[in-house]
Amino acid sequence: MSENRLAVISIIVENRQASAEINGFLSAFGDCIVGRMGIPYKEKNVSVICIVVDAPAETINTLTGKLGMLNGVTAKTLMSKV
């Protein structure tokens, strides 16, 4: 069994049509989400979402990958060493 890691997933949403899919993924992985902050940046017509997760690295990478495959969505992860 993999050890849990603390991570931050940063998401930039340029396509608001992807919002339902983003929320669906976040809901599906809800058990490992510690917190979420979303900021609409109207001047640039984008949204920025930061997700704090506590899960095995494989789970974090899976979520980040699913989000990053959505059209108009960029997702990157910063993972702790602990």
PDB file of N, CA and C in Angstrom:
ATOM      1  N   MET A   1       0.844  -1.192   0.000  1.00  0.00           N
ATOM      2  CA  MET A   1       0.000   0.000   0.000  1.00  0.00           C
ATOM      3  C   MET A   1       0.885   1.249   0.000  1.00  0.00           C
ATOM      4  N   SER A   2       0.532   2.200  -0.811  1.00  0.00           N
ATOM      5  CA  SER A   2       1.328   3.421  -0.938  1.00  0.00           C
ATOM      6  C   SER A   2       1.086   4.371   0.225  1.00  0.00           C
ATOM      7  N   GLU A   3       2.131   5.094   0.564  1.00  0.00           N
ATOM      8  CA  GLU A   3       2.063   6.079   1.621  1.00  0.00           C
ATOM      9  C   GLU A   3       1.427   7.368   1.090  1.00  0.00           C
ATOM     10  N   ASN A   4       0.616   8.005   1.907  1.00  0.00           N
ATOM     11  CA  ASN A   4      -0.008   9.262   1.496  1.00  0.00           C
ATOM     12  C   ASN A   4       1.008  10.384   1.428  1.00  0.00           C
ATOM     13  N   ARG A   5       0.753  11.297   0.500  1.00  0.00           N
ATOM     14  CA  ARG A   5       1.566  12.500   0.341  1.00  0.00           C
ATOM     15  C   ARG A   5       0.625  13.701   0.389  1.00  0.00           C
ATOM     16  N   LEU A   6       1.146  14.817   0.854  1.00  0.00           N
ATOM     17  CA  LEU A   6       0.410  16.072   0.841  1.00  0.00           C
ATOM     18  C   LEU A   6       0.800  16.805  -0.436  1.00  0.00           C
ATOM     19  N   ALA A   7      -0.180  17.326  -1.154  1.00  0.00           N
ATOM     20  CA  ALA A   7       0.110  17.991  -2.425  1.00  0.00           C
ATOM     21  C   ALA A   7      -0.872  19.128  -2.673  1.00  0.00           C
ATOM     22  N   VAL A   8      -0.451  20.030  -3.553  1.00  0.00           N
ATOM     23  CA  VAL A   8      -1.317  21.100  -4.039  1.00  0.00           C
ATOM     24  C   VAL A   8      -1.449  20.920  -5.544  1.00  0.00           C
ATOM     25  N   ILE A   9      -2.678  20.847  -6.011  1.00  0.00           N
ATOM     26  CA  ILE A   9      -2.931  20.793  -7.447  1.00  0.00           C
ATOM     27  C   ILE A   9      -3.429  22.173  -7.859  1.00  0.00           C
ATOM     28  N   SER A  10      -2.711  22.797  -8.781  1.00  0.00           N
ATOM     29  CA  SER A  10      -3.096  24.116  -9.292  1.00  0.00           C
ATOM     30  C   SER A  10      -3.741  23.926 -10.654  1.00  0.00           C
ATOM     31  N   ILE A  11      -4.900  24.533 -10.823  1.00  0.00           N
ATOM     32  CA  ILE A  11      -5.675  24.363 -12.050  1.00  0.00           C
ATOM     33  C   ILE A  11      -5.995  25.733 -12.621  1.00  0.00           C
ATOM     34  N   ILE A  12      -5.707  25.916 -13.902  1.00  0.00           N
ATOM     35  CA  ILE A  12      -6.111  27.135 -14.604  1.00  0.00           C
ATOM     36  C   ILE A  12      -7.160  26.733 -15.633  1.00  0.00           C
ATOM     37  N   VAL A  13      -8.325  27.358 -15.530  1.00  0.00           N
ATOM     38  CA  VAL A  13      -9.448  27.018 -16.403  1.00  0.00           C
ATOM     39  C   VAL A  13      -9.669  28.157 -17.389  1.00  0.00           C
ATOM     40  N   GLU A  14      -9.380  27.900 -18.647  1.00  0.00           N
ATOM     41  CA  GLU A  14      -9.610  28.879 -19.709  1.00  0.00           C
ATOM     42  C   GLU A  14     -10.920  28.614 -20.434  1.00  0.00           C
ATOM     43  N   ASN A  15     -11.491  27.432 -20.226  1.00  0.00           N
ATOM     44  CA  ASN A  15     -12.732  27.031 -20.882  1.00  0.00           C
ATOM     45  C   ASN A  15     -13.776  26.735 -19.816  1.00  0.00           C
ATOM     46  N   ARG A  16     -14.669  27.670 -19.577  1.00  0.00           N
ATOM     47  CA  ARG A  16     -15.676  27.497 -18.521  1.00  0.00           C
ATOM     48  C   ARG A  16     -16.613  26.331 -18.801  1.00  0.00           C
ATOM     49  N   GLN A  17     -16.674  25.878 -20.050  1.00  0.00           N
ATOM     50  CA  GLN A  17     -17.523  24.731 -20.391  1.00  0.00           C
ATOM     51  C   GLN A  17     -17.034  23.463 -19.688  1.00  0.00           C
ATOM     52  N   ALA A  18     -15.780  23.456 -19.252  1.00  0.00           N
ATOM     53  CA  ALA A  18     -15.206  22.285 -18.583  1.00  0.00           C
ATOM     54  C   ALA A  18     -15.553  22.234 -17.090  1.00  0.00           C
ATOM     55  N   SER A  19     -16.245  23.227 -16.587  1.00  0.00           N
ATOM     56  CA  SER A  19     -16.522  23.315 -15.147  1.00  0.00           C
ATOM     57  C   SER A  19     -17.243  22.097 -14.589  1.00  0.00           C
ATOM     58  N   ALA A  20     -18.235  21.594 -15.309  1.00  0.00           N
ATOM     59  CA  ALA A  20     -18.983  20.432 -14.817  1.00  0.00           C
ATOM     60  C   ALA A  20     -18.077  19.207 -14.716  1.00  0.00           C
ATOM     61  N   GLU A  21     -17.218  19.012 -15.701  1.00  0.00           N
ATOM     62  CA  GLU A  21     -16.299  17.872 -15.667  1.00  0.00           C
ATOM     63  C   GLU A  21     -15.271  18.025 -14.545  1.00  0.00           C
ATOM     64  N   ILE A  22     -14.766  19.242 -14.367  1.00  0.00           N
ATOM     65  CA  ILE A  22     -13.819  19.504 -13.272  1.00  0.00           C
ATOM     66  C   ILE A  22     -14.472  19.164 -11.941  1.00  0.00           C
ATOM     67  N   ASN A  23     -15.659  19.682 -11.716  1.00  0.00           N
ATOM     68  CA  ASN A  23     -16.355  19.426 -10.455  1.00  0.00           C
ATOM     69  C   ASN A  23     -16.667  17.950 -10.276  1.00  0.00           C
ATOM     70  N   GLY A  24     -16.950  17.246 -11.379  1.00  0.00           N
ATOM     71  CA  GLY A  24     -17.190  15.810 -11.311  1.00  0.00           C
ATOM     72  C   GLY A  24     -15.955  15.052 -10.844  1.00  0.00           C
ATOM     73  N   PHE A  25     -14.792  15.398 -11.402  1.00  0.00           N
ATOM     74  CA  PHE A  25     -13.548  14.761 -10.979  1.00  0.00           C
ATOM     75  C   PHE A  25     -13.246  15.078  -9.517  1.00  0.00           C
ATOM     76  N   LEU A  26     -13.423  16.337  -9.132  1.00  0.00           N
ATOM     77  CA  LEU A  26     -13.135  16.726  -7.753  1.00  0.00           C
ATOM     78  C   LEU A  26     -14.077  16.023  -6.778  1.00  0.00           C
ATOM     79  N   SER A  27     -15.301  15.844  -7.177  1.00  0.00           N
ATOM     80  CA  SER A  27     -16.257  15.122  -6.339  1.00  0.00           C
ATOM     81  C   SER A  27     -15.870  13.650  -6.220  1.00  0.00           C
ATOM     82  N   ALA A  28     -15.450  13.046  -7.333  1.00  0.00           N
ATOM     83  CA  ALA A  28     -15.059  11.636  -7.333  1.00  0.00           C
ATOM     84  C   ALA A  28     -13.848  11.388  -6.435  1.00  0.00           C
ATOM     85  N   PHE A  29     -12.960  12.373  -6.338  1.00  0.00           N
ATOM     86  CA  PHE A  29     -11.763  12.261  -5.514  1.00  0.00           C
ATOM     87  C   PHE A  29     -11.932  12.996  -4.185  1.00  0.00           C
ATOM     88  N   GLY A  30     -13.157  13.297  -3.809  1.00  0.00           N
ATOM     89  CA  GLY A  30     -13.454  14.115  -2.630  1.00  0.00           C
ATOM     90  C   GLY A  30     -12.896  13.594  -1.323  1.00  0.00           C
ATOM     91  N   ASP A  31     -12.740  12.273  -1.204  1.00  0.00           N
ATOM     92  CA  ASP A  31     -12.238  11.707   0.048  1.00  0.00           C
ATOM     93  C   ASP A  31     -10.809  12.134   0.360  1.00  0.00           C
ATOM     94  N   CYS A  32     -10.050  12.502  -0.668  1.00  0.00           N
ATOM     95  CA  CYS A  32      -8.649  12.872  -0.426  1.00  0.00           C
ATOM     96  C   CYS A  32      -8.427  14.386  -0.463  1.00  0.00           C
ATOM     97  N   ILE A  33      -9.489  15.160  -0.715  1.00  0.00           N
ATOM     98  CA  ILE A  33      -9.345  16.615  -0.784  1.00  0.00           C
ATOM     99  C   ILE A  33      -9.453  17.218   0.614  1.00  0.00           C
ATOM    100  N   VAL A  34      -8.419  17.964   0.989  1.00  0.00           N
ATOM    101  CA  VAL A  34      -8.374  18.619   2.293  1.00  0.00           C
ATOM    102  C   VAL A  34      -9.032  19.992   2.212  1.00  0.00           C
ATOM    103  N   GLY A  35      -8.796  20.705   1.103  1.00  0.00           N
ATOM    104  CA  GLY A  35      -9.360  22.039   0.944  1.00  0.00           C
ATOM    105  C   GLY A  35      -9.310  22.472  -0.509  1.00  0.00           C
ATOM    106  N   ARG A  36     -10.114  23.472  -0.810  1.00  0.00           N
ATOM    107  CA  ARG A  36     -10.214  23.967  -2.182  1.00  0.00           C
ATOM    108  C   ARG A  36     -10.434  25.472  -2.152  1.00  0.00           C
ATOM    109  N   MET A  37      -9.735  26.175  -3.061  1.00  0.00           N
ATOM    110  CA  MET A  37      -9.932  27.615  -3.199  1.00  0.00           C
ATOM    111  C   MET A  37     -10.056  27.923  -4.688  1.00  0.00           C
ATOM    112  N   GLY A  38     -11.091  28.615  -5.066  1.00  0.00           N
ATOM    113  CA  GLY A  38     -11.285  28.994  -6.457  1.00  0.00           C
ATOM    114  C   GLY A  38     -11.369  30.502  -6.592  1.00  0.00           C
ATOM    115  N   ILE A  39     -10.686  31.031  -7.599  1.00  0.00           N
ATOM    116  CA  ILE A  39     -10.660  32.471  -7.814  1.00  0.00           C
ATOM    117  C   ILE A  39     -11.007  32.768  -9.269  1.00  0.00           C
ATOM    118  N   PRO A  40     -12.127  33.428  -9.515  1.00  0.00           N
ATOM    119  CA  PRO A  40     -12.412  33.858 -10.889  1.00  0.00           C
ATOM    120  C   PRO A  40     -11.603  35.113 -11.204  1.00  0.00           C
ATOM    121  N   TYR A  41     -10.861  35.076 -12.283  1.00  0.00           N
ATOM    122  CA  TYR A  41     -10.035  36.221 -12.683  1.00  0.00           C
ATOM    123  C   TYR A  41     -10.680  36.802 -13.933  1.00  0.00           C
ATOM    124  N   LYS A  42     -11.670  37.662 -13.707  1.00  0.00           N
ATOM    125  CA  LYS A  42     -12.512  38.175 -14.794  1.00  0.00           C
ATOM    126  C   LYS A  42     -11.740  38.978 -15.830  1.00  0.00           C
ATOM    127  N   GLU A  43     -10.716  39.708 -15.396  1.00  0.00           N
ATOM    128  CA  GLU A  43      -9.946  40.529 -16.344  1.00  0.00           C
ATOM    129  C   GLU A  43      -9.265  39.675 -17.413  1.00  0.00           C
ATOM    130  N   LYS A  44      -8.893  38.448 -17.056  1.00  0.00           N
ATOM    131  CA  LYS A  44      -8.217  37.545 -17.992  1.00  0.00           C
ATOM    132  C   LYS A  44      -9.160  36.473 -18.524  1.00  0.00           C
ATOM    133  N   ASN A  45     -10.410  36.459 -18.041  1.00  0.00           N
ATOM    134  CA  ASN A  45     -11.419  35.484 -18.448  1.00  0.00           C
ATOM    135  C   ASN A  45     -10.971  34.046 -18.152  1.00  0.00           C
ATOM    136  N   VAL A  46     -10.361  33.844 -16.995  1.00  0.00           N
ATOM    137  CA  VAL A  46      -9.956  32.517 -16.551  1.00  0.00           C
ATOM    138  C   VAL A  46     -10.352  32.345 -15.085  1.00  0.00           C
ATOM    139  N   SER A  47     -10.293  31.105 -14.630  1.00  0.00           N
ATOM    140  CA  SER A  47     -10.463  30.804 -13.206  1.00  0.00           C
ATOM    141  C   SER A  47      -9.242  30.039 -12.741  1.00  0.00           C
ATOM    142  N   VAL A  48      -8.851  30.280 -11.499  1.00  0.00           N
ATOM    143  CA  VAL A  48      -7.728  29.583 -10.904  1.00  0.00           C
ATOM    144  C   VAL A  48      -8.267  28.816  -9.698  1.00  0.00           C
ATOM    145  N   ILE A  49      -7.948  27.523  -9.649  1.00  0.00           N
ATOM    146  CA  ILE A  49      -8.402  26.671  -8.551  1.00  0.00           C
ATOM    147  C   ILE A  49      -7.176  26.016  -7.927  1.00  0.00           C
ATOM    148  N   CYS A  50      -7.102  26.044  -6.602  1.00  0.00           N
ATOM    149  CA  CYS A  50      -6.036  25.354  -5.872  1.00  0.00           C
ATOM    150  C   CYS A  50      -6.682  24.298  -4.986  1.00  0.00           C
ATOM    151  N   ILE A  51      -6.210  23.071  -5.116  1.00  0.00           N
ATOM    152  CA  ILE A  51      -6.747  21.950  -4.360  1.00  0.00           C
ATOM    153  C   ILE A  51      -5.627  21.374  -3.491  1.00  0.00           C
ATOM    154  N   VAL A  52      -5.868  21.240  -2.196  1.00  0.00           N
ATOM    155  CA  VAL A  52      -4.925  20.580  -1.299  1.00  0.00           C
ATOM    156  C   VAL A  52      -5.424  19.150  -1.113  1.00  0.00           C
ATOM    157  N   VAL A  53      -4.546  18.172  -1.395  1.00  0.00           N
ATOM    158  CA  VAL A  53      -4.936  16.767  -1.301  1.00  0.00           C
ATOM    159  C   VAL A  53      -3.968  16.000  -0.403  1.00  0.00           C
ATOM    160  N   ASP A  54      -4.470  14.949   0.215  1.00  0.00           N
ATOM    161  CA  ASP A  54      -3.688  14.037   1.035  1.00  0.00           C
ATOM    162  C   ASP A  54      -4.039  12.638   0.549  1.00  0.00           C
ATOM    163  N   ALA A  55      -3.145  12.047  -0.252  1.00  0.00           N
ATOM    164  CA  ALA A  55      -3.450  10.771  -0.894  1.00  0.00           C
ATOM    165  C   ALA A  55      -2.153  10.133  -1.387  1.00  0.00           C
ATOM    166  N   PRO A  56      -2.207   8.869  -1.794  1.00  0.00           N
ATOM    167  CA  PRO A  56      -1.030   8.265  -2.414  1.00  0.00           C
ATOM    168  C   PRO A  56      -0.660   9.015  -3.697  1.00  0.00           C
ATOM    169  N   ALA A  57       0.630   9.029  -4.029  1.00  0.00           N
ATOM    170  CA  ALA A  57       1.110   9.749  -5.212  1.00  0.00           C
ATOM    171  C   ALA A  57       0.373   9.306  -6.473  1.00  0.00           C
ATOM    172  N   GLU A  58       0.072   8.031  -6.585  1.00  0.00           N
ATOM    173  CA  GLU A  58      -0.627   7.528  -7.775  1.00  0.00           C
ATOM    174  C   GLU A  58      -2.004   8.171  -7.924  1.00  0.00           C
ATOM    175  N   THR A  59      -2.701   8.331  -6.809  1.00  0.00           N
ATOM    176  CA  THR A  59      -4.034   8.945  -6.832  1.00  0.00           C
ATOM    177  C   THR A  59      -3.937  10.415  -7.222  1.00  0.00           C
ATOM    178  N   ILE A  60      -2.963  11.116  -6.654  1.00  0.00           N
ATOM    179  CA  ILE A  60      -2.767  12.534  -6.971  1.00  0.00           C
ATOM    180  C   ILE A  60      -2.442  12.699  -8.450  1.00  0.00           C
ATOM    181  N   ASN A  61      -1.557  11.850  -8.960  1.00  0.00           N
ATOM    182  CA  ASN A  61      -1.186  11.925 -10.376  1.00  0.00           C
ATOM    183  C   ASN A  61      -2.358  11.594 -11.288  1.00  0.00           C
ATOM    184  N   THR A  62      -3.193  10.649 -10.879  1.00  0.00           N
ATOM    185  CA  THR A  62      -4.373  10.300 -11.670  1.00  0.00           C
ATOM    186  C   THR A  62      -5.325  11.487 -11.769  1.00  0.00           C
ATOM    187  N   LEU A  63      -5.610  12.130 -10.631  1.00  0.00           N
ATOM    188  CA  LEU A  63      -6.502  13.284 -10.631  1.00  0.00           C
ATOM    189  C   LEU A  63      -5.932  14.411 -11.489  1.00  0.00           C
ATOM    190  N   THR A  64      -4.651  14.704 -11.304  1.00  0.00           N
ATOM    191  CA  THR A  64      -4.014  15.771 -12.086  1.00  0.00           C
ATOM    192  C   THR A  64      -4.077  15.451 -13.576  1.00  0.00           C
ATOM    193  N   GLY A  65      -3.814  14.215 -13.938  1.00  0.00           N
ATOM    194  CA  GLY A  65      -3.863  13.812 -15.344  1.00  0.00           C
ATOM    195  C   GLY A  65      -5.239  13.950 -15.945  1.00  0.00           C
ATOM    196  N   LYS A  66      -6.265  13.522 -15.211  1.00  0.00           N
ATOM    197  CA  LYS A  66      -7.642  13.634 -15.709  1.00  0.00           C
ATOM    198  C   LYS A  66      -8.023  15.103 -15.926  1.00  0.00           C
ATOM    199  N   LEU A  67      -7.642  15.950 -14.975  1.00  0.00           N
ATOM    200  CA  LEU A  67      -7.957  17.376 -15.101  1.00  0.00           C
ATOM    201  C   LEU A  67      -7.214  17.989 -16.288  1.00  0.00           C
ATOM    202  N   GLY A  68      -5.944  17.658 -16.427  1.00  0.00           N
ATOM    203  CA  GLY A  68      -5.120  18.226 -17.485  1.00  0.00           C
ATOM    204  C   GLY A  68      -5.526  17.797 -18.883  1.00  0.00           C
ATOM    205  N   MET A  69      -6.262  16.700 -19.008  1.00  0.00           N
ATOM    206  CA  MET A  69      -6.710  16.236 -20.322  1.00  0.00           C
ATOM    207  C   MET A  69      -7.944  16.983 -20.822  1.00  0.00           C
ATOM    208  N   LEU A  70      -8.588  17.736 -19.948  1.00  0.00           N
ATOM    209  CA  LEU A  70      -9.778  18.481 -20.354  1.00  0.00           C
ATOM    210  C   LEU A  70      -9.380  19.658 -21.246  1.00  0.00           C
ATOM    211  N   ASN A  71     -10.192  19.925 -22.242  1.00  0.00           N
ATOM    212  CA  ASN A  71      -9.946  21.027 -23.171  1.00  0.00           C
ATOM    213  C   ASN A  71     -10.005  22.368 -22.436  1.00  0.00           C
ATOM    214  N   GLY A  72      -8.946  23.169 -22.578  1.00  0.00           N
ATOM    215  CA  GLY A  72      -8.922  24.492 -21.961  1.00  0.00           C
ATOM    216  C   GLY A  72      -8.586  24.477 -20.484  1.00  0.00           C
ATOM    217  N   VAL A  73      -8.021  23.355 -19.997  1.00  0.00           N
ATOM    218  CA  VAL A  73      -7.680  23.228 -18.580  1.00  0.00           C
ATOM    219  C   VAL A  73      -6.210  22.826 -18.463  1.00  0.00           C
ATOM    220  N   THR A  74      -5.478  23.524 -17.604  1.00  0.00           N
ATOM    221  CA  THR A  74      -4.096  23.176 -17.296  1.00  0.00           C
ATOM    222  C   THR A  74      -4.026  22.826 -15.820  1.00  0.00           C
ATOM    223  N   ALA A  75      -3.386  21.686 -15.502  1.00  0.00           N
ATOM    224  CA  ALA A  75      -3.267  21.264 -14.110  1.00  0.00           C
ATOM    225  C   ALA A  75      -1.838  20.817 -13.831  1.00  0.00           C
ATOM    226  N   LYS A  76      -1.287  21.292 -12.720  1.00  0.00           N
ATOM    227  CA  LYS A  76       0.071  20.922 -12.296  1.00  0.00           C
ATOM    228  C   LYS A  76       0.034  20.624 -10.797  1.00  0.00           C
ATOM    229  N   THR A  77       0.948  19.771 -10.369  1.00  0.00           N
ATOM    230  CA  THR A  77       0.984  19.362  -8.970  1.00  0.00           C
ATOM    231  C   THR A  77       2.326  19.677  -8.327  1.00  0.00           C
ATOM    232  N   LEU A  78       2.258  20.125  -7.088  1.00  0.00           N
ATOM    233  CA  LEU A  78       3.436  20.293  -6.256  1.00  0.00           C
ATOM    234  C   LEU A  78       3.241  19.331  -5.084  1.00  0.00           C
ATOM    235  N   MET A  79       4.154  18.346  -4.950  1.00  0.00           N
ATOM    236  CA  MET A  79       4.003  17.310  -3.950  1.00  0.00           C
ATOM    237  C   MET A  79       5.045  17.460  -2.849  1.00  0.00           C
ATOM    238  N   SER A  80       4.599  17.252  -1.613  1.00  0.00           N
ATOM    239  CA  SER A  80       5.539  17.321  -0.486  1.00  0.00           C
ATOM    240  C   SER A  80       6.404  16.066  -0.441  1.00  0.00           C
ATOM    241  N   LYS A  81       7.468  16.138   0.325  1.00  0.00           N
ATOM    242  CA  LYS A  81       8.317  14.970   0.514  1.00  0.00           C
ATOM    243  C   LYS A  81       7.825  14.098   1.669  1.00  0.00           C
ATOM    244  N   VAL A  82       6.860  14.584   2.416  1.00  0.00           N
ATOM    245  CA  VAL A  82       6.332  13.827   3.570  1.00  0.00           C
ATOM    246  C   VAL A  82       4.992  13.206   3.273  1.00  0.00           C
TER     247      VAL A  82
END
